[in-house]
């Protein structure tokens, strides 16, 4: 013990310097490890590639907040939501307030021209007890919801084939076949419920150019709409194996004062059900199926995992 103490006194400075040097080296190593982890966390997702070079994103997907009642206050529910939420609102009760799906402009509102805003507000004021045909949401009559509303109303499946992305939706047998070969859109005088889509990949982002909408559908139950001149640019930015960020930029000078963009997170659905199959959802006016009666808004919501 005495010899050890004597050695420490004699060699103290050297031991201290050596210890400090060791601590410095360890700190550098820890910093390097932290930096490496940060770089790894910031690195883009590297997906499996299909034979034609597409990132493999096949499977079932669903929106973070399901439902198309409102763009500015997204919440679950669809055609039957007014009888539950808006009646309560008129009774002085406060409904849920969530961030608007509209991310541009910053006020979270669709930048309508004055006449278009008046039209939207007229529909919104009469959705509970419509007295005219124009007040009835086409969704309630089982017409296709169009782009992008269909993606928020039900779950959907992405399938990929050489040169194509195919999206099939749970509701009303709607689907989209998106070519990736750069072909032009169909002639302008042909208008479709689900529009005409042309896509390409930018890394892990699927960019889809959408045109030729007949715009007979709405963008929400609250009466948001576009004309048949609308041009939409969609971006499906896959940030991981089980999630992507979706955005849609609307350009329609005949209705809006400027372009605007909505965005939402989407997650892989039914991941824990390897044998899951899409429901065949038949729709008819006035229907009240068992699942809707017992489960309400949750009846057709995809089970997303995060």
Protein backbone atom coordinates (compact mmCIF):
# COMPACT_ATOMS: atom_id res chain seq x y z
CA UNK A 1 0.00 0.00 0.00
CA UNK A 2 2.85 2.38 0.93
CA UNK A 3 4.69 1.60 -2.30
CA UNK A 4 1.55 2.25 -4.32
CA UNK A 5 0.97 5.58 -2.58
CA UNK A 6 4.63 6.52 -3.06
CA UNK A 7 4.41 5.61 -6.76
CA UNK A 8 1.28 7.73 -7.21
CA UNK A 9 2.98 10.77 -5.60
CA UNK A 10 6.10 10.41 -7.74
CA UNK A 11 4.23 9.68 -11.00
CA UNK A 12 1.11 11.76 -10.33
CA UNK A 13 1.54 14.32 -13.12
CA UNK A 14 2.22 11.62 -15.69
CA UNK A 15 -0.77 9.60 -14.53
CA UNK A 16 -2.97 12.69 -14.65
CA UNK A 17 -1.82 13.62 -18.14
CA UNK A 18 -2.32 10.05 -19.31
CA UNK A 19 -5.79 9.94 -17.82
CA UNK A 20 -6.76 13.23 -19.46
CA UNK A 21 -5.45 11.98 -22.79
CA UNK A 22 -7.50 8.80 -22.42
CA UNK A 23 -10.62 10.80 -21.55
CA UNK A 24 -10.05 13.03 -24.60
CA UNK A 25 -9.74 10.01 -26.88
CA UNK A 26 -12.89 8.48 -25.38
CA UNK A 27 -14.78 11.76 -25.81
CA UNK A 28 -13.71 11.93 -29.45
CA UNK A 29 -14.85 8.35 -29.97
CA UNK A 30 -18.22 9.05 -28.36
CA UNK A 31 -18.65 12.20 -30.45
CA UNK A 32 -17.78 10.30 -33.60
CA UNK A 33 -20.27 7.58 -32.65
CA UNK A 34 -22.96 10.21 -32.02
CA UNK A 35 -22.21 11.86 -35.35
CA UNK A 36 -22.38 8.49 -37.09
CA UNK A 37 -25.78 7.80 -35.53
CA UNK A 38 -27.01 11.23 -36.55
CA UNK A 39 -25.85 10.69 -40.12
CA UNK A 40 -27.49 7.28 -40.13
CA UNK A 41 -30.75 8.75 -38.79
CA UNK A 42 -30.68 11.49 -41.41
CA UNK A 43 -29.85 9.12 -44.26
CA UNK A 44 -32.71 8.52 -46.70
CA UNK A 45 -34.56 5.26 -46.60
CA UNK A 46 -33.06 2.67 -48.94
CA UNK A 47 -35.89 0.50 -50.27
CA UNK A 48 -35.80 -2.79 -52.09
CA UNK A 49 -35.90 -2.16 -55.84
CA UNK A 50 -38.16 -3.95 -58.27
CA UNK A 51 -36.93 -5.30 -61.60
CA UNK A 52 -37.79 -2.06 -63.43
CA UNK A 53 -35.99 0.05 -60.79
CA UNK A 54 -39.04 1.24 -58.86
CA UNK A 55 -38.78 1.40 -55.05
CA UNK A 56 -40.94 -1.44 -53.74
CA UNK A 57 -43.80 0.23 -51.86
CA UNK A 58 -46.49 -2.36 -52.48
CA UNK A 59 -49.11 -3.10 -49.85
CA UNK A 60 -52.05 -1.59 -48.01
CA UNK A 61 -52.05 2.02 -46.81
CA UNK A 62 -54.26 4.45 -44.91
CA UNK A 63 -54.31 8.11 -43.91
CA UNK A 64 -53.22 9.23 -40.45
CA UNK A 65 -56.64 10.86 -40.01
CA UNK A 66 -59.32 9.02 -41.94
CA UNK A 67 -62.36 10.86 -43.22
CA UNK A 68 -63.25 13.54 -45.75
CA UNK A 69 -65.80 15.67 -43.96
CA UNK A 70 -63.51 18.69 -43.72
CA UNK A 71 -60.22 19.90 -45.20
CA UNK A 72 -59.60 22.51 -42.51
CA UNK A 73 -60.63 20.36 -39.52
CA UNK A 74 -59.96 16.77 -40.62
CA UNK A 75 -61.68 14.08 -38.61
CA UNK A 76 -63.13 10.63 -38.98
CA UNK A 77 -66.42 10.22 -40.71
CA UNK A 78 -68.06 10.93 -44.01
CA UNK A 79 -71.62 11.20 -45.25
CA UNK A 80 -73.22 10.57 -41.84
CA UNK A 81 -70.92 12.94 -39.93
CA UNK A 82 -73.19 16.02 -40.20
CA UNK A 83 -75.95 14.39 -38.14
CA UNK A 84 -73.50 13.78 -35.31
CA UNK A 85 -71.08 16.68 -35.34
CA UNK A 86 -72.80 19.65 -36.95
CA UNK A 87 -76.06 19.18 -35.08
CA UNK A 88 -74.02 19.23 -31.87
CA UNK A 89 -72.28 22.38 -33.12
CA UNK A 90 -75.63 24.11 -33.64
CA UNK A 91 -76.57 23.13 -30.11
CA UNK A 92 -73.63 25.13 -28.85
CA UNK A 93 -71.21 22.24 -28.39
CA UNK A 94 -67.65 22.46 -29.65
CA UNK A 95 -66.35 19.91 -32.13
CA UNK A 96 -62.75 18.69 -32.36
CA UNK A 97 -60.24 21.09 -33.87
CA UNK A 98 -57.25 19.57 -35.65
CA UNK A 99 -54.59 21.16 -37.84
CA UNK A 100 -55.83 21.92 -41.33
CA UNK A 101 -54.76 19.57 -44.08
CA UNK A 102 -53.99 22.68 -46.11
CA UNK A 103 -50.33 23.58 -45.57
CA UNK A 104 -50.13 26.34 -48.18
CA UNK A 105 -51.31 29.07 -47.79
CA UNK A 106 -50.36 29.39 -44.14
CA UNK A 107 -53.85 30.32 -42.96
CA UNK A 108 -54.96 26.76 -43.75
CA UNK A 109 -57.84 27.87 -45.98
CA UNK A 110 -58.63 27.20 -49.62
CA UNK A 111 -57.95 30.49 -51.47
CA UNK A 112 -61.29 30.70 -53.25
CA UNK A 113 -62.37 33.52 -55.51
CA UNK A 114 -65.32 35.37 -53.91
CA UNK A 115 -67.98 33.64 -56.04
CA UNK A 116 -66.42 30.23 -55.33
CA UNK A 117 -66.27 30.86 -51.58
CA UNK A 118 -69.94 31.85 -51.62
CA UNK A 119 -70.78 28.62 -53.46
CA UNK A 120 -68.81 26.49 -50.97
CA UNK A 121 -70.40 28.22 -47.98
CA UNK A 122 -73.86 27.77 -49.49
CA UNK A 123 -73.29 24.01 -49.74
CA UNK A 124 -71.84 23.86 -46.22
CA UNK A 125 -74.86 25.68 -44.78
CA UNK A 126 -77.24 23.13 -46.31
CA UNK A 127 -75.47 19.80 -45.88
CA UNK A 128 -77.63 18.71 -42.95
CA UNK A 129 -80.99 19.22 -44.66
CA UNK A 130 -80.39 19.64 -48.39
CA UNK A 131 -83.28 21.18 -50.29
CA UNK A 132 -81.61 21.24 -53.71
CA UNK A 133 -79.74 18.70 -55.78
CA UNK A 134 -76.58 20.83 -55.64
CA UNK A 135 -76.44 20.48 -51.85
CA UNK A 136 -76.22 16.67 -51.92
CA UNK A 137 -72.68 15.32 -51.77
CA UNK A 138 -72.05 13.00 -54.76
CA UNK A 139 -70.31 10.69 -52.28
CA UNK A 140 -73.69 10.09 -50.60
CA UNK A 141 -74.98 8.94 -53.97
CA UNK A 142 -72.08 6.47 -54.34
CA UNK A 143 -70.23 8.30 -57.09
CA UNK A 144 -66.41 8.09 -57.14
CA UNK A 145 -64.65 10.54 -54.83
CA UNK A 146 -61.89 11.42 -57.28
CA UNK A 147 -58.34 12.57 -56.61
CA UNK A 148 -57.30 13.03 -53.86
CA UNK A 149 -60.44 12.54 -51.75
CA UNK A 150 -60.65 8.80 -52.39
CA UNK A 151 -57.34 8.24 -50.56
CA UNK A 152 -58.69 9.82 -47.36
CA UNK A 153 -62.11 8.19 -47.38
CA UNK A 154 -60.99 4.55 -47.44
CA UNK A 155 -57.87 2.44 -47.33
CA UNK A 156 -56.13 1.52 -50.56
CA UNK A 157 -53.62 -0.88 -52.01
CA UNK A 158 -50.55 -0.04 -54.07
CA UNK A 159 -49.42 -2.60 -56.62
CA UNK A 160 -46.51 -2.18 -58.99
CA UNK A 161 -45.90 -3.67 -62.40
CA UNK A 162 -43.11 -2.91 -64.89
CA UNK A 163 -43.68 0.71 -65.91
CA UNK A 164 -46.84 1.18 -63.85
CA UNK A 165 -48.15 1.97 -60.37
CA UNK A 166 -51.70 0.75 -59.71
CA UNK A 167 -53.81 2.04 -56.82
CA UNK A 168 -57.03 0.24 -55.92
CA UNK A 169 -59.37 1.72 -53.31
CA UNK A 170 -61.71 -0.04 -50.90
CA UNK A 171 -64.68 2.09 -51.87
CA UNK A 172 -66.85 1.89 -55.00
CA UNK A 173 -64.41 -0.22 -57.04
CA UNK A 174 -62.34 2.83 -57.88
CA UNK A 175 -58.78 2.50 -59.12
CA UNK A 176 -55.94 4.35 -60.81
CA UNK A 177 -53.47 3.00 -63.35
CA UNK A 178 -50.46 5.36 -63.42
CA UNK A 179 -48.04 4.91 -66.36
CA UNK A 180 -44.40 5.83 -65.74
CA UNK A 181 -43.17 5.95 -69.34
CA UNK A 182 -43.65 9.67 -70.00
CA UNK A 183 -46.62 9.30 -72.31
CA UNK A 184 -48.83 12.40 -72.74
CA UNK A 185 -52.22 12.85 -71.13
CA UNK A 186 -55.36 11.87 -72.98
CA UNK A 187 -57.08 14.64 -75.02
CA UNK A 188 -58.34 17.58 -72.95
CA UNK A 189 -61.96 17.08 -74.01
CA UNK A 190 -62.11 13.68 -72.27
CA UNK A 191 -63.00 14.11 -68.59
CA UNK A 192 -62.93 11.29 -66.04
CA UNK A 193 -64.19 10.75 -62.48
CA UNK A 194 -60.72 9.61 -61.35
CA UNK A 195 -58.86 11.97 -63.70
CA UNK A 196 -55.92 10.94 -65.88
CA UNK A 197 -52.59 10.33 -64.12
CA UNK A 198 -49.00 10.25 -65.36
CA UNK A 199 -46.15 9.51 -62.96
CA UNK A 200 -42.41 9.31 -62.52
CA UNK A 201 -40.04 8.58 -59.65
CA UNK A 202 -37.67 11.13 -58.14
CA UNK A 203 -35.65 8.94 -55.79
CA UNK A 204 -38.14 7.61 -53.22
CA UNK A 205 -40.83 10.10 -54.24
CA UNK A 206 -43.56 9.18 -56.69
CA UNK A 207 -44.61 12.36 -58.53
CA UNK A 208 -47.98 12.15 -60.29
CA UNK A 209 -49.37 14.71 -62.73
CA UNK A 210 -53.19 14.67 -62.59
CA UNK A 211 -55.42 16.18 -65.30
CA UNK A 212 -58.72 15.59 -67.13
CA UNK A 213 -60.93 15.59 -64.03
CA UNK A 214 -64.66 15.93 -64.65
CA UNK A 215 -64.87 17.55 -61.16
CA UNK A 216 -68.36 16.20 -60.58
CA UNK A 217 -67.20 15.08 -57.14
CA UNK A 218 -66.24 17.26 -54.20
CA UNK A 219 -63.07 17.56 -52.17
CA UNK A 220 -64.98 17.36 -48.87
CA UNK A 221 -68.48 17.04 -47.41
CA UNK A 222 -68.31 20.75 -46.59
CA UNK A 223 -68.56 21.61 -50.26
CA UNK A 224 -64.94 22.24 -51.27
CA UNK A 225 -64.57 21.87 -55.02
CA UNK A 226 -62.53 22.47 -58.16
CA UNK A 227 -63.49 22.92 -61.80
CA UNK A 228 -62.77 20.53 -64.66
CA UNK A 229 -59.77 22.73 -65.47
CA UNK A 230 -57.96 21.81 -62.28
CA UNK A 231 -54.36 20.57 -62.48
CA UNK A 232 -53.06 18.58 -59.51
CA UNK A 233 -49.48 17.56 -58.75
CA UNK A 234 -49.23 14.74 -56.21
CA UNK A 235 -46.11 13.70 -54.32
CA UNK A 236 -45.89 10.39 -52.46
CA UNK A 237 -42.65 10.80 -50.49
CA UNK A 238 -41.77 7.45 -48.92
CA UNK A 239 -39.71 8.13 -45.81
CA UNK A 240 -39.60 4.55 -44.55
CA UNK A 241 -40.88 1.06 -45.17
CA UNK A 242 -44.15 1.84 -43.38
CA UNK A 243 -44.84 5.53 -44.00
CA UNK A 244 -45.01 8.23 -46.61
CA UNK A 245 -45.84 11.93 -46.72
CA UNK A 246 -48.50 12.82 -49.26
CA UNK A 247 -49.04 16.24 -50.79
CA UNK A 248 -51.28 17.55 -53.56
CA UNK A 249 -50.87 20.98 -55.16
CA UNK A 250 -54.00 22.41 -56.80
CA UNK A 251 -53.88 24.88 -59.67
CA UNK A 252 -57.18 26.19 -61.02
CA UNK A 253 -57.27 29.92 -61.86
CA UNK A 254 -60.97 29.66 -62.69
CA UNK A 255 -61.81 28.88 -59.03
CA UNK A 256 -58.87 29.86 -56.81
CA UNK A 257 -56.95 33.12 -56.41
CA UNK A 258 -53.67 31.18 -56.25
CA UNK A 259 -52.38 27.59 -56.09
CA UNK A 260 -52.74 25.76 -52.79
CA UNK A 261 -51.42 22.54 -51.25
CA UNK A 262 -52.78 19.93 -48.86
CA UNK A 263 -50.63 17.34 -47.11
CA UNK A 264 -50.96 14.37 -44.76
CA UNK A 265 -49.05 11.43 -43.35
CA UNK A 266 -49.95 7.92 -44.48
CA UNK A 267 -49.02 4.63 -42.84
CA UNK A 268 -48.90 1.02 -43.84
CA UNK A 269 -52.15 -0.71 -42.93
CA UNK A 270 -53.01 -4.27 -41.89
CA UNK A 271 -49.31 -5.10 -41.52
CA UNK A 272 -50.07 -7.68 -38.84
CA UNK A 273 -52.54 -9.47 -41.08
CA UNK A 274 -50.53 -11.33 -43.75
CA UNK A 275 -53.69 -12.80 -45.28
CA UNK A 276 -55.64 -9.54 -45.33
CA UNK A 277 -57.86 -8.97 -48.35
CA UNK A 278 -59.62 -5.78 -49.33
CA UNK A 279 -63.33 -5.61 -48.65
CA UNK A 280 -65.67 -5.50 -51.59
CA UNK A 281 -67.61 -2.40 -50.59
CA UNK A 282 -70.85 -2.10 -52.52
CA UNK A 283 -72.57 1.26 -52.21
CA UNK A 284 -76.18 2.28 -52.76
CA UNK A 285 -78.11 5.35 -51.72
CA UNK A 286 -79.54 5.20 -48.20
CA UNK A 287 -77.56 2.12 -47.19
CA UNK A 288 -77.04 1.28 -43.52
CA UNK A 289 -74.81 -1.78 -43.26
CA UNK A 290 -74.20 -3.63 -40.00
CA UNK A 291 -70.62 -2.45 -39.58
CA UNK A 292 -71.57 1.20 -39.90
CA UNK A 293 -74.41 0.77 -37.41
CA UNK A 294 -72.21 -0.84 -34.77
CA UNK A 295 -68.80 0.66 -35.44
CA UNK A 296 -69.67 4.06 -36.86
CA UNK A 297 -66.67 5.92 -38.25
CA UNK A 298 -64.31 3.02 -37.48
CA UNK A 299 -66.13 0.60 -39.74
CA UNK A 300 -63.95 1.00 -42.80
CA UNK A 301 -60.90 2.70 -41.34
CA UNK A 302 -57.68 0.85 -42.20
CA UNK A 303 -55.68 -0.39 -39.23
CA UNK A 304 -52.47 1.57 -39.61
CA UNK A 305 -49.32 0.75 -37.68
CA UNK A 306 -46.65 3.32 -36.77
